[in-house]
Amino acid sequence: MMIIQPMTEDIAKKIQTWQYKEPYSLYSLNGDPEVLSELMNGSYFSVTENNKLIGYFCFGKSAQVPAGYKENAYAAPMLDFGLGLHPMHTGNGKGLRFVQEGLAYACEKYGNKSVRLTVASFNIRAKIVYERAGFTYEQSFLKVSESGSTTFEVMVKKI
């Protein structure tokens, strides 16, 4: 059984050490105080199973990619949903149950409403999981940074 609870500083610091292999490294966080502050802003929740940290969920503005604002990707009133699965649990069939647990928690905590998530376009395995969980493609936008550009897709699960 997965246990979802508000983020603690100790768990946030552990999450900051997770390193994802290419091409997923853009999901790796770092030890910056700003990242810790984000993880501790009240919208992040840790997920444990069998007393082991397996991931996290976040809701609201924390689940949005700021580059999407200029494309009005977040204009419609919905609950934004973000997640991170521990790198050692990715790519081995655990994603759908993880997403479903997060959606159930979101419904319990925020009410039964349409949910939106944002995913990097290249992340095919995540998009497959999200489609299986009932999400459909809504729109794309480009995020440009010093390290290059990434296309993101906004997916919605309408209630």
C-alpha atoms as a PDB file:
ATOM      1  CA  MET A   1       0.000   0.000   0.000  1.00  0.00           C
ATOM      2  CA  MET A   2       1.250   3.462  -0.896  1.00  0.00           C
ATOM      3  CA  ILE A   3       1.289   6.083   1.824  1.00  0.00           C
ATOM      4  CA  ILE A   4       1.024   9.695   0.684  1.00  0.00           C
ATOM      5  CA  GLN A   5       1.875  12.434   3.165  1.00  0.00           C
ATOM      6  CA  PRO A   6       3.051  16.046   3.218  1.00  0.00           C
ATOM      7  CA  MET A   7       6.682  16.524   2.224  1.00  0.00           C
ATOM      8  CA  THR A   8       9.272  16.704   5.006  1.00  0.00           C
ATOM      9  CA  GLU A   9      12.653  18.394   4.683  1.00  0.00           C
ATOM     10  CA  ASP A  10      14.528  15.096   5.123  1.00  0.00           C
ATOM     11  CA  ILE A  11      12.586  13.447   2.294  1.00  0.00           C
ATOM     12  CA  ALA A  12      12.887  16.551   0.082  1.00  0.00           C
ATOM     13  CA  LYS A  13      16.677  16.404   0.483  1.00  0.00           C
ATOM     14  CA  LYS A  14      16.650  12.719  -0.553  1.00  0.00           C
ATOM     15  CA  ILE A  15      14.587  13.537  -3.655  1.00  0.00           C
ATOM     16  CA  GLN A  16      17.122  16.216  -4.579  1.00  0.00           C
ATOM     17  CA  THR A  17      19.770  13.490  -4.933  1.00  0.00           C
ATOM     18  CA  TRP A  18      17.823  11.411  -7.471  1.00  0.00           C
ATOM     19  CA  GLN A  19      19.591  11.228 -10.825  1.00  0.00           C
ATOM     20  CA  TYR A  20      17.756  10.034 -13.915  1.00  0.00           C
ATOM     21  CA  LYS A  21      19.629   8.506 -16.856  1.00  0.00           C
ATOM     22  CA  GLU A  22      19.505  10.139 -20.286  1.00  0.00           C
ATOM     23  CA  PRO A  23      17.291  11.160 -21.908  1.00  0.00           C
ATOM     24  CA  TYR A  24      15.388  11.700 -18.647  1.00  0.00           C
ATOM     25  CA  SER A  25      18.065  13.778 -16.875  1.00  0.00           C
ATOM     26  CA  LEU A  26      15.944  16.930 -17.152  1.00  0.00           C
ATOM     27  CA  TYR A  27      13.853  15.395 -14.345  1.00  0.00           C
ATOM     28  CA  SER A  28      16.905  15.216 -12.036  1.00  0.00           C
ATOM     29  CA  LEU A  29      16.834  17.870  -9.348  1.00  0.00           C
ATOM     30  CA  ASN A  30      19.843  19.388  -7.630  1.00  0.00           C
ATOM     31  CA  GLY A  31      20.779  20.403  -4.117  1.00  0.00           C
ATOM     32  CA  ASP A  32      20.065  24.122  -4.564  1.00  0.00           C
ATOM     33  CA  PRO A  33      18.259  25.839  -1.690  1.00  0.00           C
ATOM     34  CA  GLU A  34      15.650  27.137  -4.207  1.00  0.00           C
ATOM     35  CA  VAL A  35      14.801  23.542  -5.184  1.00  0.00           C
ATOM     36  CA  LEU A  36      14.469  22.577  -1.522  1.00  0.00           C
ATOM     37  CA  SER A  37      12.253  25.608  -0.943  1.00  0.00           C
ATOM     38  CA  GLU A  38      10.034  24.539  -3.893  1.00  0.00           C
ATOM     39  CA  LEU A  39       9.727  20.993  -2.521  1.00  0.00           C
ATOM     40  CA  MET A  40       8.750  22.418   0.868  1.00  0.00           C
ATOM     41  CA  ASN A  41       6.156  24.941  -0.414  1.00  0.00           C
ATOM     42  CA  GLY A  42       3.186  22.868   0.790  1.00  0.00           C
ATOM     43  CA  SER A  43       2.110  21.498  -2.600  1.00  0.00           C
ATOM     44  CA  TYR A  44       4.439  18.444  -2.575  1.00  0.00           C
ATOM     45  CA  PHE A  45       3.647  15.060  -1.035  1.00  0.00           C
ATOM     46  CA  SER A  46       5.981  12.120  -0.553  1.00  0.00           C
ATOM     47  CA  VAL A  47       4.962   8.596  -1.501  1.00  0.00           C
ATOM     48  CA  THR A  48       6.258   5.580   0.393  1.00  0.00           C
ATOM     49  CA  GLU A  49       5.574   1.899  -0.036  1.00  0.00           C
ATOM     50  CA  ASN A  50       6.818  -0.740   2.416  1.00  0.00           C
ATOM     51  CA  ASN A  51       8.564   2.071   4.328  1.00  0.00           C
ATOM     52  CA  LYS A  52      10.606   3.030   1.230  1.00  0.00           C
ATOM     53  CA  LEU A  53      10.424   6.364  -0.560  1.00  0.00           C
ATOM     54  CA  ILE A  54       9.224   5.630  -4.112  1.00  0.00           C
ATOM     55  CA  GLY A  55       8.156   9.040  -5.387  1.00  0.00           C
ATOM     56  CA  TYR A  56       6.288  12.276  -4.924  1.00  0.00           C
ATOM     57  CA  PHE A  57       3.261  14.172  -6.186  1.00  0.00           C
ATOM     58  CA  CYS A  58       2.683  17.904  -6.452  1.00  0.00           C
ATOM     59  CA  PHE A  59      -0.417  19.909  -7.217  1.00  0.00           C
ATOM     60  CA  GLY A  60      -1.274  23.377  -8.484  1.00  0.00           C
ATOM     61  CA  LYS A  61       1.266  25.884  -9.801  1.00  0.00           C
ATOM     62  CA  SER A  62       4.186  23.644  -8.766  1.00  0.00           C
ATOM     63  CA  ALA A  63       3.041  21.123 -11.399  1.00  0.00           C
ATOM     64  CA  GLN A  64       3.177  23.693 -14.200  1.00  0.00           C
ATOM     65  CA  VAL A  65       6.088  24.492 -16.527  1.00  0.00           C
ATOM     66  CA  PRO A  66       6.368  28.324 -16.583  1.00  0.00           C
ATOM     67  CA  ALA A  67       7.155  28.357 -20.328  1.00  0.00           C
ATOM     68  CA  GLY A  68       3.558  27.230 -20.889  1.00  0.00           C
ATOM     69  CA  TYR A  69       2.119  30.493 -19.557  1.00  0.00           C
ATOM     70  CA  LYS A  70       2.765  32.468 -22.745  1.00  0.00           C
ATOM     71  CA  GLU A  71       0.971  29.732 -24.718  1.00  0.00           C
ATOM     72  CA  ASN A  72      -2.018  29.878 -22.328  1.00  0.00           C
ATOM     73  CA  ALA A  73      -1.424  26.198 -21.563  1.00  0.00           C
ATOM     74  CA  TYR A  74      -2.833  26.678 -18.068  1.00  0.00           C
ATOM     75  CA  ALA A  75      -5.711  29.052 -18.791  1.00  0.00           C
ATOM     76  CA  ALA A  76      -8.522  26.566 -18.185  1.00  0.00           C
ATOM     77  CA  PRO A  77      -9.370  26.094 -14.493  1.00  0.00           C
ATOM     78  CA  MET A  78      -8.155  22.566 -13.661  1.00  0.00           C
ATOM     79  CA  LEU A  79      -6.070  20.875 -11.019  1.00  0.00           C
ATOM     80  CA  ASP A  80      -2.475  20.623 -12.175  1.00  0.00           C
ATOM     81  CA  PHE A  81      -0.798  17.352 -11.238  1.00  0.00           C
ATOM     82  CA  GLY A  82       2.912  16.625 -11.167  1.00  0.00           C
ATOM     83  CA  LEU A  83       4.784  13.528 -10.123  1.00  0.00           C
ATOM     84  CA  GLY A  84       8.170  11.957  -9.831  1.00  0.00           C
ATOM     85  CA  LEU A  85       8.886   8.261  -9.507  1.00  0.00           C
ATOM     86  CA  HIS A  86      12.218   7.217  -7.992  1.00  0.00           C
ATOM     87  CA  PRO A  87      14.680   6.488 -10.849  1.00  0.00           C
ATOM     88  CA  MET A  88      15.020   2.832  -9.837  1.00  0.00           C
ATOM     89  CA  HIS A  89      11.249   2.375 -10.217  1.00  0.00           C
ATOM     90  CA  THR A  90      10.903   3.926 -13.681  1.00  0.00           C
ATOM     91  CA  GLY A  91      10.458   1.842 -16.801  1.00  0.00           C
ATOM     92  CA  ASN A  92       9.380  -1.351 -15.026  1.00  0.00           C
ATOM     93  CA  GLY A  93       5.592  -1.286 -15.017  1.00  0.00           C
ATOM     94  CA  LYS A  94       4.918   0.606 -11.773  1.00  0.00           C
ATOM     95  CA  GLY A  95       3.864   3.886 -13.352  1.00  0.00           C
ATOM     96  CA  LEU A  96       0.149   3.314 -13.926  1.00  0.00           C
ATOM     97  CA  ARG A  97      -0.608   2.282 -10.347  1.00  0.00           C
ATOM     98  CA  PHE A  98       1.515   5.203  -9.104  1.00  0.00           C
ATOM     99  CA  VAL A  99      -0.426   7.682 -11.267  1.00  0.00           C
ATOM    100  CA  GLN A 100      -3.782   6.149 -10.266  1.00  0.00           C
ATOM    101  CA  GLU A 101      -2.880   6.457  -6.566  1.00  0.00           C
ATOM    102  CA  GLY A 102      -1.961  10.108  -7.119  1.00  0.00           C
ATOM    103  CA  LEU A 103      -5.232  10.803  -8.923  1.00  0.00           C
ATOM    104  CA  ALA A 104      -7.230   9.125  -6.149  1.00  0.00           C
ATOM    105  CA  TYR A 105      -5.383  11.228  -3.566  1.00  0.00           C
ATOM    106  CA  ALA A 106      -6.012  14.393  -5.609  1.00  0.00           C
ATOM    107  CA  CYS A 107      -9.739  13.616  -5.782  1.00  0.00           C
ATOM    108  CA  GLU A 108      -9.867  13.015  -2.035  1.00  0.00           C
ATOM    109  CA  LYS A 109      -7.899  16.174  -1.199  1.00  0.00           C
ATOM    110  CA  TYR A 110      -9.095  18.645  -3.854  1.00  0.00           C
ATOM    111  CA  GLY A 111     -12.451  17.223  -4.968  1.00  0.00           C
ATOM    112  CA  ASN A 112     -13.516  15.503  -8.147  1.00  0.00           C
ATOM    113  CA  LYS A 113     -12.277  17.831 -10.907  1.00  0.00           C
ATOM    114  CA  SER A 114     -10.543  17.682 -14.249  1.00  0.00           C
ATOM    115  CA  VAL A 115      -6.787  17.184 -13.941  1.00  0.00           C
ATOM    116  CA  ARG A 116      -3.985  18.483 -16.160  1.00  0.00           C
ATOM    117  CA  LEU A 117      -0.360  17.399 -16.349  1.00  0.00           C
ATOM    118  CA  THR A 118       2.658  18.482 -18.373  1.00  0.00           C
ATOM    119  CA  VAL A 119       5.197  16.014 -19.781  1.00  0.00           C
ATOM    120  CA  ALA A 120       8.278  16.320 -21.983  1.00  0.00           C
ATOM    121  CA  SER A 121       7.336  15.177 -25.515  1.00  0.00           C
ATOM    122  CA  PHE A 122      10.242  12.732 -25.715  1.00  0.00           C
ATOM    123  CA  ASN A 123       9.044  10.892 -22.584  1.00  0.00           C
ATOM    124  CA  ILE A 124       7.108   8.256 -24.533  1.00  0.00           C
ATOM    125  CA  ARG A 125       6.884   5.745 -21.688  1.00  0.00           C
ATOM    126  CA  ALA A 126       5.305   8.344 -19.362  1.00  0.00           C
ATOM    127  CA  LYS A 127       2.856   9.476 -22.051  1.00  0.00           C
ATOM    128  CA  ILE A 128       1.738   5.863 -22.552  1.00  0.00           C
ATOM    129  CA  VAL A 129       1.086   5.561 -18.799  1.00  0.00           C
ATOM    130  CA  TYR A 130      -0.843   8.839 -18.762  1.00  0.00           C
ATOM    131  CA  GLU A 131      -2.984   7.738 -21.720  1.00  0.00           C
ATOM    132  CA  ARG A 132      -3.739   4.467 -19.924  1.00  0.00           C
ATOM    133  CA  ALA A 133      -4.771   6.528 -16.889  1.00  0.00           C
ATOM    134  CA  GLY A 134      -7.278   8.416 -19.051  1.00  0.00           C
ATOM    135  CA  PHE A 135      -5.336  11.547 -20.080  1.00  0.00           C
ATOM    136  CA  THR A 136      -5.574  12.939 -23.610  1.00  0.00           C
ATOM    137  CA  TYR A 137      -3.308  15.347 -25.479  1.00  0.00           C
ATOM    138  CA  GLU A 138      -4.363  18.988 -25.289  1.00  0.00           C
ATOM    139  CA  GLN A 139      -1.486  21.136 -26.637  1.00  0.00           C
ATOM    140  CA  SER A 140       2.294  21.530 -26.895  1.00  0.00           C
ATOM    141  CA  PHE A 141       4.708  24.356 -26.109  1.00  0.00           C
ATOM    142  CA  LEU A 142       8.447  24.896 -26.305  1.00  0.00           C
ATOM    143  CA  LYS A 143      10.699  25.643 -23.334  1.00  0.00           C
ATOM    144  CA  VAL A 144      13.997  27.265 -24.341  1.00  0.00           C
ATOM    145  CA  SER A 145      16.938  27.503 -21.926  1.00  0.00           C
ATOM    146  CA  GLU A 146      20.735  27.809 -22.066  1.00  0.00           C
ATOM    147  CA  SER A 147      20.965  24.013 -22.233  1.00  0.00           C
ATOM    148  CA  GLY A 148      18.677  23.793 -25.273  1.00  0.00           C
ATOM    149  CA  SER A 149      14.980  23.508 -25.972  1.00  0.00           C
ATOM    150  CA  THR A 150      12.399  20.950 -24.944  1.00  0.00           C
ATOM    151  CA  THR A 151       8.867  20.494 -26.232  1.00  0.00           C
ATOM    152  CA  PHE A 152       6.311  19.803 -23.532  1.00  0.00           C
ATOM    153  CA  GLU A 153       2.826  18.390 -23.933  1.00  0.00           C
ATOM    154  CA  VAL A 154      -0.164  19.266 -21.814  1.00  0.00           C
ATOM    155  CA  MET A 155      -2.476  16.313 -21.193  1.00  0.00           C
ATOM    156  CA  VAL A 156      -5.912  16.452 -19.570  1.00  0.00           C
ATOM    157  CA  LYS A 157      -8.156  13.971 -17.807  1.00  0.00           C
ATOM    158  CA  LYS A 158     -11.658  15.431 -17.869  1.00  0.00           C
ATOM    159  CA  ILE A 159     -14.115  14.573 -15.122  1.00  0.00           C
END
